[in-house]
Amino acid sequence: MKTARKKVVQVFMQEPFDKASYQMAVQGSNTLHQQQMEMRVNIMADMAQYLSPKERKQLARLIMQRRGR
């Protein structure tokens, strides 16, 4: 993801500005982000089936704390 973001910034700063290249770089970054989110969702769903309600609640709290950093 870090590499994809760097590419977006590099394309954005190029002279002359190439709108199509910028949009392609952003789309690539968005696609990668979406794939990563789908993997996380699948992992969470797989894990959740083995956790107790109390453990799921604790995990949810940890996730929300991390998001608020």
C-alpha atoms as a PDB file:
ATOM      1  CA  MET A   1       0.000   0.000   0.000  1.00  0.00           C
ATOM      2  CA  LYS A   2       2.843   2.336   0.826  1.00  0.00           C
ATOM      3  CA  THR A   3       4.371   1.782  -2.606  1.00  0.00           C
ATOM      4  CA  ALA A   4       1.028   2.459  -4.292  1.00  0.00           C
ATOM      5  CA  ARG A   5       0.629   5.739  -2.393  1.00  0.00           C
ATOM      6  CA  LYS A   6       4.156   6.791  -3.339  1.00  0.00           C
ATOM      7  CA  LYS A   7       3.365   6.107  -6.990  1.00  0.00           C
ATOM      8  CA  VAL A   8       0.250   8.288  -6.786  1.00  0.00           C
ATOM      9  CA  VAL A   9       2.302  11.148  -5.338  1.00  0.00           C
ATOM     10  CA  GLN A  10       5.073  10.711  -7.924  1.00  0.00           C
ATOM     11  CA  VAL A  11       2.614  10.748 -10.818  1.00  0.00           C
ATOM     12  CA  PHE A  12       0.846  13.760  -9.310  1.00  0.00           C
ATOM     13  CA  MET A  13       4.096  15.750  -9.160  1.00  0.00           C
ATOM     14  CA  GLN A  14       5.291  14.925 -12.687  1.00  0.00           C
ATOM     15  CA  GLU A  15       5.546  17.684 -15.249  1.00  0.00           C
ATOM     16  CA  PRO A  16       3.579  18.005 -17.311  1.00  0.00           C
ATOM     17  CA  PHE A  17       0.680  16.683 -15.262  1.00  0.00           C
ATOM     18  CA  ASP A  18      -0.915  13.651 -16.932  1.00  0.00           C
ATOM     19  CA  LYS A  19      -4.483  13.278 -15.734  1.00  0.00           C
ATOM     20  CA  ALA A  20      -4.917   9.782 -17.200  1.00  0.00           C
ATOM     21  CA  SER A  21      -1.729   8.499 -15.537  1.00  0.00           C
ATOM     22  CA  TYR A  22      -2.781  10.039 -12.239  1.00  0.00           C
ATOM     23  CA  GLN A  23      -6.222   8.448 -12.427  1.00  0.00           C
ATOM     24  CA  MET A  24      -4.675   5.055 -13.254  1.00  0.00           C
ATOM     25  CA  ALA A  25      -2.307   5.326 -10.277  1.00  0.00           C
ATOM     26  CA  VAL A  26      -5.188   6.250  -7.973  1.00  0.00           C
ATOM     27  CA  GLN A  27      -7.281   3.386  -9.336  1.00  0.00           C
ATOM     28  CA  GLY A  28      -4.409   0.973  -8.693  1.00  0.00           C
ATOM     29  CA  SER A  29      -4.105   2.220  -5.129  1.00  0.00           C
ATOM     30  CA  ASN A  30      -7.865   1.932  -4.617  1.00  0.00           C
ATOM     31  CA  THR A  31      -7.906  -1.618  -6.001  1.00  0.00           C
ATOM     32  CA  LEU A  32      -5.081  -2.678  -3.697  1.00  0.00           C
ATOM     33  CA  HIS A  33      -6.833  -1.114  -0.714  1.00  0.00           C
ATOM     34  CA  GLN A  34     -10.080  -2.894  -1.581  1.00  0.00           C
ATOM     35  CA  GLN A  35      -8.269  -6.241  -1.855  1.00  0.00           C
ATOM     36  CA  GLN A  36      -6.632  -5.719   1.525  1.00  0.00           C
ATOM     37  CA  MET A  37      -9.953  -4.824   3.125  1.00  0.00           C
ATOM     38  CA  GLU A  38     -11.603  -7.927   1.670  1.00  0.00           C
ATOM     39  CA  MET A  39      -8.811 -10.097   3.076  1.00  0.00           C
ATOM     40  CA  ARG A  40      -9.229  -8.517   6.521  1.00  0.00           C
ATOM     41  CA  VAL A  41     -12.983  -9.030   6.444  1.00  0.00           C
ATOM     42  CA  ASN A  42     -12.535 -12.689   5.496  1.00  0.00           C
ATOM     43  CA  ILE A  43      -9.941 -13.242   8.224  1.00  0.00           C
ATOM     44  CA  MET A  44     -12.207 -11.616  10.809  1.00  0.00           C
ATOM     45  CA  ALA A  45     -15.154 -13.748   9.713  1.00  0.00           C
ATOM     46  CA  ASP A  46     -13.039 -16.904   9.912  1.00  0.00           C
ATOM     47  CA  MET A  47     -11.750 -15.972  13.376  1.00  0.00           C
ATOM     48  CA  ALA A  48     -15.124 -14.890  14.717  1.00  0.00           C
ATOM     49  CA  GLN A  49     -16.635 -18.323  14.376  1.00  0.00           C
ATOM     50  CA  TYR A  50     -14.131 -19.630  16.958  1.00  0.00           C
ATOM     51  CA  LEU A  51     -14.430 -16.751  19.438  1.00  0.00           C
ATOM     52  CA  SER A  52     -16.874 -16.508  22.299  1.00  0.00           C
ATOM     53  CA  PRO A  53     -19.224 -13.508  22.412  1.00  0.00           C
ATOM     54  CA  LYS A  54     -16.986 -11.996  25.121  1.00  0.00           C
ATOM     55  CA  GLU A  55     -13.865 -12.462  22.978  1.00  0.00           C
ATOM     56  CA  ARG A  56     -15.573 -10.940  19.924  1.00  0.00           C
ATOM     57  CA  LYS A  57     -16.566  -7.939  22.025  1.00  0.00           C
ATOM     58  CA  GLN A  58     -12.971  -7.531  23.245  1.00  0.00           C
ATOM     59  CA  LEU A  59     -11.627  -7.813  19.707  1.00  0.00           C
ATOM     60  CA  ALA A  60     -14.155  -5.263  18.466  1.00  0.00           C
ATOM     61  CA  ARG A  61     -12.990  -2.833  21.162  1.00  0.00           C
ATOM     62  CA  LEU A  62      -9.358  -3.319  20.181  1.00  0.00           C
ATOM     63  CA  ILE A  63     -10.155  -2.706  16.536  1.00  0.00           C
ATOM     64  CA  MET A  64     -12.088   0.468  17.326  1.00  0.00           C
ATOM     65  CA  GLN A  65      -9.272   1.750  19.574  1.00  0.00           C
ATOM     66  CA  ARG A  66      -6.761   1.159  16.801  1.00  0.00           C
ATOM     67  CA  ARG A  67      -8.938   3.001  14.286  1.00  0.00           C
ATOM     68  CA  GLY A  68      -9.056   6.032  16.556  1.00  0.00           C
ATOM     69  CA  ARG A  69      -5.306   6.442  16.763  1.00  0.00           C
END
